[in-house]
Amino acid sequence: MDPVLTQLSEKIEAAIHHFKMEIAGIRAGRANPALVENIPVDAYGSKMKLVEVGNISAPQPTLLTVQVWDASILDNVIKAIQEAKLGFNPSNEGTLIRLPIPPLTSERREEFIKLLHQKMEQARVEIRQIRHDSRNLWKKEQEDGKYGEDEFFRREKLLQELVDKKILEVESLGKAKEEELTQI
C-alpha cells in the first residue's frame, strides 16, 4: 500500500470496526453475547459496560446468561438490561441472570432492518468524511507547494479506490446481516 494511504487506511478500518460492533448488537433471533455486552451499568459509582462486570455466555440458541462477579451490583445489572429496551425479561438466579431470547416478530425484524440501513449509511458517511478531510488537506499542501498537481491527482485516485473498496465491504457486511435478520 502507498505510504500516503497508510494512516487513512487505519482511520477507515477503525470506522469499519465500529460499524461491525454496531451491527453485532442488532438482534437476529439467536443468542449472541454481543447483543448485551455494551449495555451501560451503574457500578461502583460510574458507568461500566456489562461485559466489564460479568461473564456473558450463550449456552443455548435462545438463551443468554450473565454471571455477575459482584452480587452487590446484581440489581443494577438487571435494571440496566430492562432499561436497554431490547425486549429481554431477565430472571435472577443468585449471581446468574438468565435472558431468554424471544422470537422476533416480523414488525421487529423490519425495525432491525431499518436500523441496520441507518448504521450502514452512518459508516458510509464516516468513510466519505475521511476522504473529504484528506482531500482538503492534500489540496492545501499542494497549494503551499509541497508537491505538484500530478502527485495530488495520484493520491486522490488511490484514495478513491480505497474508499470504493471499503464502502463495498460495508455493503457486503450489511447484506450478510440483513440475510441473518430475515431468516426465520
C-alpha atoms as a PDB file:
ATOM      1  CA  MET A   1       0.000   0.000   0.000  1.00  0.00           C
ATOM      2  CA  ASP A   2       1.132   3.510  -0.768  1.00  0.00           C
ATOM      3  CA  PRO A   3       2.617   5.177   2.362  1.00  0.00           C
ATOM      4  CA  VAL A   4       0.357   8.172   1.757  1.00  0.00           C
ATOM      5  CA  LEU A   5      -2.682   5.995   2.429  1.00  0.00           C
ATOM      6  CA  THR A   6      -1.411   4.076   5.471  1.00  0.00           C
ATOM      7  CA  GLN A   7      -2.837   6.449   8.081  1.00  0.00           C
ATOM      8  CA  LEU A   8      -6.062   6.941   6.112  1.00  0.00           C
ATOM      9  CA  SER A   9      -6.484   3.192   5.767  1.00  0.00           C
ATOM     10  CA  GLU A  10      -6.174   2.844   9.549  1.00  0.00           C
ATOM     11  CA  LYS A  11      -8.858   5.513  10.071  1.00  0.00           C
ATOM     12  CA  ILE A  12     -11.176   3.776   7.603  1.00  0.00           C
ATOM     13  CA  GLU A  13     -10.516   0.375   9.220  1.00  0.00           C
ATOM     14  CA  ALA A  14     -11.423   1.914  12.593  1.00  0.00           C
ATOM     15  CA  ALA A  15     -14.704   3.154  11.088  1.00  0.00           C
ATOM     16  CA  ILE A  16     -15.452  -0.323   9.703  1.00  0.00           C
ATOM     17  CA  HIS A  17     -14.581  -1.933  13.047  1.00  0.00           C
ATOM     18  CA  HIS A  18     -17.012   0.454  14.744  1.00  0.00           C
ATOM     19  CA  PHE A  19     -19.673  -0.490  12.171  1.00  0.00           C
ATOM     20  CA  LYS A  20     -19.087  -4.207  12.864  1.00  0.00           C
ATOM     21  CA  MET A  21     -19.532  -3.601  16.606  1.00  0.00           C
ATOM     22  CA  GLU A  22     -22.725  -1.650  15.957  1.00  0.00           C
ATOM     23  CA  ILE A  23     -24.328  -4.333  13.779  1.00  0.00           C
ATOM     24  CA  ALA A  24     -23.239  -7.121  16.132  1.00  0.00           C
ATOM     25  CA  GLY A  25     -25.595  -5.555  18.671  1.00  0.00           C
ATOM     26  CA  ILE A  26     -28.572  -5.847  16.322  1.00  0.00           C
ATOM     27  CA  ARG A  27     -30.528  -8.909  17.346  1.00  0.00           C
ATOM     28  CA  ALA A  28     -31.057 -11.575  14.717  1.00  0.00           C
ATOM     29  CA  GLY A  29     -33.143 -14.191  16.518  1.00  0.00           C
ATOM     30  CA  ARG A  30     -30.442 -16.294  18.138  1.00  0.00           C
ATOM     31  CA  ALA A  31     -28.467 -15.616  21.284  1.00  0.00           C
ATOM     32  CA  ASN A  32     -25.248 -13.675  20.821  1.00  0.00           C
ATOM     33  CA  PRO A  33     -23.321 -12.096  23.738  1.00  0.00           C
ATOM     34  CA  ALA A  34     -22.667  -9.009  21.574  1.00  0.00           C
ATOM     35  CA  LEU A  35     -26.368  -8.158  21.961  1.00  0.00           C
ATOM     36  CA  VAL A  36     -25.869  -7.085  25.568  1.00  0.00           C
ATOM     37  CA  GLU A  37     -22.142  -6.640  26.211  1.00  0.00           C
ATOM     38  CA  ASN A  38     -22.156  -2.866  25.677  1.00  0.00           C
ATOM     39  CA  ILE A  39     -25.167  -2.100  27.880  1.00  0.00           C
ATOM     40  CA  PRO A  40     -24.121   0.619  30.379  1.00  0.00           C
ATOM     41  CA  VAL A  41     -24.450  -0.469  34.027  1.00  0.00           C
ATOM     42  CA  ASP A  42     -24.219   1.756  37.119  1.00  0.00           C
ATOM     43  CA  ALA A  43     -21.463   0.069  39.094  1.00  0.00           C
ATOM     44  CA  TYR A  44     -19.057   1.376  41.709  1.00  0.00           C
ATOM     45  CA  GLY A  45     -20.081   4.982  41.196  1.00  0.00           C
ATOM     46  CA  SER A  46     -19.604   5.063  37.424  1.00  0.00           C
ATOM     47  CA  LYS A  47     -20.973   3.650  34.187  1.00  0.00           C
ATOM     48  CA  MET A  48     -19.384   0.373  33.093  1.00  0.00           C
ATOM     49  CA  LYS A  49     -20.193  -1.933  30.198  1.00  0.00           C
ATOM     50  CA  LEU A  50     -21.996  -5.156  31.083  1.00  0.00           C
ATOM     51  CA  VAL A  51     -19.036  -7.167  29.777  1.00  0.00           C
ATOM     52  CA  GLU A  52     -16.862  -5.435  32.412  1.00  0.00           C
ATOM     53  CA  VAL A  53     -18.976  -6.584  35.378  1.00  0.00           C
ATOM     54  CA  GLY A  54     -19.635 -10.223  34.488  1.00  0.00           C
ATOM     55  CA  ASN A  55     -19.283 -13.134  32.069  1.00  0.00           C
ATOM     56  CA  ILE A  56     -21.820 -13.266  29.235  1.00  0.00           C
ATOM     57  CA  SER A  57     -22.448 -16.576  27.516  1.00  0.00           C
ATOM     58  CA  ALA A  58     -24.951 -18.223  25.171  1.00  0.00           C
ATOM     59  CA  PRO A  59     -25.487 -21.792  26.461  1.00  0.00           C
ATOM     60  CA  GLN A  60     -28.463 -22.288  24.120  1.00  0.00           C
ATOM     61  CA  PRO A  61     -29.552 -20.633  20.848  1.00  0.00           C
ATOM     62  CA  THR A  62     -32.429 -18.895  22.651  1.00  0.00           C
ATOM     63  CA  LEU A  63     -30.764 -18.081  25.996  1.00  0.00           C
ATOM     64  CA  LEU A  64     -28.086 -15.703  27.237  1.00  0.00           C
ATOM     65  CA  THR A  65     -26.671 -15.875  30.744  1.00  0.00           C
ATOM     66  CA  VAL A  66     -24.800 -13.193  32.649  1.00  0.00           C
ATOM     67  CA  GLN A  67     -22.645 -14.390  35.561  1.00  0.00           C
ATOM     68  CA  VAL A  68     -22.155 -11.225  37.642  1.00  0.00           C
ATOM     69  CA  TRP A  69     -18.843 -11.155  39.519  1.00  0.00           C
ATOM     70  CA  ASP A  70     -20.121  -8.966  42.380  1.00  0.00           C
ATOM     71  CA  ALA A  71     -23.567  -9.784  43.793  1.00  0.00           C
ATOM     72  CA  SER A  72     -23.899  -6.243  45.191  1.00  0.00           C
ATOM     73  CA  ILE A  73     -24.487  -4.823  41.685  1.00  0.00           C
ATOM     74  CA  LEU A  74     -26.887  -7.561  40.531  1.00  0.00           C
ATOM     75  CA  ASP A  75     -29.954  -5.307  40.797  1.00  0.00           C
ATOM     76  CA  ASN A  76     -28.174  -2.563  38.820  1.00  0.00           C
ATOM     77  CA  VAL A  77     -27.363  -5.072  36.052  1.00  0.00           C
ATOM     78  CA  ILE A  78     -30.988  -6.263  35.848  1.00  0.00           C
ATOM     79  CA  LYS A  79     -32.220  -2.660  35.801  1.00  0.00           C
ATOM     80  CA  ALA A  80     -29.739  -1.751  33.025  1.00  0.00           C
ATOM     81  CA  ILE A  81     -30.853  -4.714  30.882  1.00  0.00           C
ATOM     82  CA  GLN A  82     -34.507  -3.732  31.280  1.00  0.00           C
ATOM     83  CA  GLU A  83     -33.788  -0.059  30.508  1.00  0.00           C
ATOM     84  CA  ALA A  84     -31.931  -1.032  27.322  1.00  0.00           C
ATOM     85  CA  LYS A  85     -35.350  -1.922  25.813  1.00  0.00           C
ATOM     86  CA  LEU A  86     -34.044  -4.911  23.873  1.00  0.00           C
ATOM     87  CA  GLY A  87     -37.144  -6.976  24.627  1.00  0.00           C
ATOM     88  CA  PHE A  88     -35.434  -9.187  27.224  1.00  0.00           C
ATOM     89  CA  ASN A  89     -37.033 -10.234  30.502  1.00  0.00           C
ATOM     90  CA  PRO A  90     -34.131 -11.018  32.860  1.00  0.00           C
ATOM     91  CA  SER A  91     -34.626 -13.589  35.617  1.00  0.00           C
ATOM     92  CA  ASN A  92     -32.409 -13.577  38.701  1.00  0.00           C
ATOM     93  CA  GLU A  93     -30.871 -16.798  39.993  1.00  0.00           C
ATOM     94  CA  GLY A  94     -28.378 -15.723  42.653  1.00  0.00           C
ATOM     95  CA  THR A  95     -25.401 -14.263  40.783  1.00  0.00           C
ATOM     96  CA  LEU A  96     -26.642 -15.655  37.458  1.00  0.00           C
ATOM     97  CA  ILE A  97     -29.053 -13.708  35.269  1.00  0.00           C
ATOM     98  CA  ARG A  98     -30.922 -15.604  32.581  1.00  0.00           C
ATOM     99  CA  LEU A  99     -32.069 -13.743  29.470  1.00  0.00           C
ATOM    100  CA  PRO A 100     -34.429 -15.827  27.342  1.00  0.00           C
ATOM    101  CA  ILE A 101     -34.413 -14.538  23.748  1.00  0.00           C
ATOM    102  CA  PRO A 102     -37.984 -14.222  22.485  1.00  0.00           C
ATOM    103  CA  PRO A 103     -38.578 -14.993  18.803  1.00  0.00           C
ATOM    104  CA  LEU A 104     -38.625 -11.925  16.568  1.00  0.00           C
ATOM    105  CA  THR A 105     -41.926 -10.727  15.155  1.00  0.00           C
ATOM    106  CA  SER A 106     -41.999  -9.598  11.532  1.00  0.00           C
ATOM    107  CA  GLU A 107     -42.507  -5.973  12.690  1.00  0.00           C
ATOM    108  CA  ARG A 108     -39.460  -6.208  14.933  1.00  0.00           C
ATOM    109  CA  ARG A 109     -37.411  -7.688  12.078  1.00  0.00           C
ATOM    110  CA  GLU A 110     -38.405  -4.735   9.873  1.00  0.00           C
ATOM    111  CA  GLU A 111     -37.363  -2.297  12.633  1.00  0.00           C
ATOM    112  CA  PHE A 112     -33.982  -4.012  12.920  1.00  0.00           C
ATOM    113  CA  ILE A 113     -33.501  -3.919   9.135  1.00  0.00           C
ATOM    114  CA  LYS A 114     -34.233  -0.161   9.148  1.00  0.00           C
ATOM    115  CA  LEU A 115     -31.754   0.266  11.993  1.00  0.00           C
ATOM    116  CA  LEU A 116     -29.182  -1.751  10.032  1.00  0.00           C
ATOM    117  CA  HIS A 117     -29.635   0.512   6.995  1.00  0.00           C
ATOM    118  CA  GLN A 118     -29.128   3.580   9.215  1.00  0.00           C
ATOM    119  CA  LYS A 119     -25.901   2.102  10.616  1.00  0.00           C
ATOM    120  CA  MET A 120     -24.707   1.279   7.088  1.00  0.00           C
ATOM    121  CA  GLU A 121     -25.329   4.856   5.954  1.00  0.00           C
ATOM    122  CA  GLN A 122     -23.501   6.215   9.014  1.00  0.00           C
ATOM    123  CA  ALA A 123     -20.478   4.045   8.158  1.00  0.00           C
ATOM    124  CA  ARG A 124     -20.520   5.176   4.515  1.00  0.00           C
ATOM    125  CA  VAL A 125     -20.758   8.833   5.570  1.00  0.00           C
ATOM    126  CA  GLU A 126     -17.878   8.394   8.023  1.00  0.00           C
ATOM    127  CA  ILE A 127     -15.680   6.880   5.295  1.00  0.00           C
ATOM    128  CA  ARG A 128     -16.607   9.645   2.846  1.00  0.00           C
ATOM    129  CA  GLN A 129     -15.821  12.261   5.510  1.00  0.00           C
ATOM    130  CA  ILE A 130     -12.328  10.786   5.941  1.00  0.00           C
ATOM    131  CA  ARG A 131     -11.887  11.060   2.156  1.00  0.00           C
ATOM    132  CA  HIS A 132     -13.137  14.663   2.152  1.00  0.00           C
ATOM    133  CA  ASP A 133     -10.862  15.756   5.015  1.00  0.00           C
ATOM    134  CA  SER A 134      -7.816  14.105   3.431  1.00  0.00           C
ATOM    135  CA  ARG A 135      -8.515  15.607   0.040  1.00  0.00           C
ATOM    136  CA  ASN A 136      -8.820  19.099   1.561  1.00  0.00           C
ATOM    137  CA  LEU A 137      -5.536  18.660   3.440  1.00  0.00           C
ATOM    138  CA  TRP A 138      -3.771  17.491   0.278  1.00  0.00           C
ATOM    139  CA  LYS A 139      -5.238  20.384  -1.717  1.00  0.00           C
ATOM    140  CA  LYS A 140      -3.899  22.852   0.848  1.00  0.00           C
ATOM    141  CA  GLU A 141      -0.467  21.151   0.816  1.00  0.00           C
ATOM    142  CA  GLN A 142      -0.426  21.270  -2.995  1.00  0.00           C
ATOM    143  CA  GLU A 143      -1.296  24.980  -2.975  1.00  0.00           C
ATOM    144  CA  ASP A 144       1.529  25.546  -0.457  1.00  0.00           C
ATOM    145  CA  GLY A 145       3.925  23.949  -2.957  1.00  0.00           C
ATOM    146  CA  LYS A 146       4.763  20.722  -1.105  1.00  0.00           C
ATOM    147  CA  TYR A 147       4.111  18.720  -4.280  1.00  0.00           C
ATOM    148  CA  GLY A 148       2.708  19.127  -7.761  1.00  0.00           C
ATOM    149  CA  GLU A 149      -0.662  18.640  -9.348  1.00  0.00           C
ATOM    150  CA  ASP A 150       0.236  15.184 -10.684  1.00  0.00           C
ATOM    151  CA  GLU A 151       1.012  13.936  -7.163  1.00  0.00           C
ATOM    152  CA  PHE A 152      -2.286  15.381  -5.890  1.00  0.00           C
ATOM    153  CA  PHE A 153      -4.261  13.576  -8.596  1.00  0.00           C
ATOM    154  CA  ARG A 154      -2.304  10.337  -7.997  1.00  0.00           C
ATOM    155  CA  ARG A 155      -3.152  10.479  -4.268  1.00  0.00           C
ATOM    156  CA  GLU A 156      -6.752  11.355  -4.997  1.00  0.00           C
ATOM    157  CA  LYS A 157      -7.097   8.359  -7.346  1.00  0.00           C
ATOM    158  CA  LEU A 158      -5.552   5.951  -4.814  1.00  0.00           C
ATOM    159  CA  LEU A 159      -7.783   7.291  -2.055  1.00  0.00           C
ATOM    160  CA  GLN A 160     -10.907   6.939  -4.197  1.00  0.00           C
ATOM    161  CA  GLU A 161     -10.022   3.302  -4.975  1.00  0.00           C
ATOM    162  CA  LEU A 162      -9.560   2.615  -1.247  1.00  0.00           C
ATOM    163  CA  VAL A 163     -12.844   4.332  -0.358  1.00  0.00           C
ATOM    164  CA  ASP A 164     -14.759   2.414  -3.049  1.00  0.00           C
ATOM    165  CA  LYS A 165     -13.331  -0.881  -1.803  1.00  0.00           C
ATOM    166  CA  LYS A 166     -14.203  -0.140   1.836  1.00  0.00           C
ATOM    167  CA  ILE A 167     -17.728   1.025   1.020  1.00  0.00           C
ATOM    168  CA  LEU A 168     -18.252  -2.274  -0.823  1.00  0.00           C
ATOM    169  CA  GLU A 169     -17.056  -4.046   2.334  1.00  0.00           C
ATOM    170  CA  VAL A 170     -19.660  -2.148   4.391  1.00  0.00           C
ATOM    171  CA  GLU A 171     -22.322  -3.117   1.833  1.00  0.00           C
ATOM    172  CA  SER A 172     -21.409  -6.820   1.978  1.00  0.00           C
ATOM    173  CA  LEU A 173     -21.354  -6.821   5.800  1.00  0.00           C
ATOM    174  CA  GLY A 174     -24.765  -5.145   5.761  1.00  0.00           C
ATOM    175  CA  LYS A 175     -26.209  -7.638   3.266  1.00  0.00           C
ATOM    176  CA  ALA A 176     -24.974 -10.564   5.364  1.00  0.00           C
ATOM    177  CA  LYS A 177     -26.577  -9.101   8.493  1.00  0.00           C
ATOM    178  CA  GLU A 178     -29.821  -8.413   6.610  1.00  0.00           C
ATOM    179  CA  GLU A 179     -29.963 -12.041   5.466  1.00  0.00           C
ATOM    180  CA  GLU A 180     -29.389 -13.124   9.047  1.00  0.00           C
ATOM    181  CA  LEU A 181     -32.260 -10.868  10.160  1.00  0.00           C
ATOM    182  CA  THR A 182     -34.694 -12.180   7.536  1.00  0.00           C
ATOM    183  CA  GLN A 183     -34.085 -15.861   8.354  1.00  0.00           C
ATOM    184  CA  ILE A 184     -36.822 -17.346  10.497  1.00  0.00           C
END
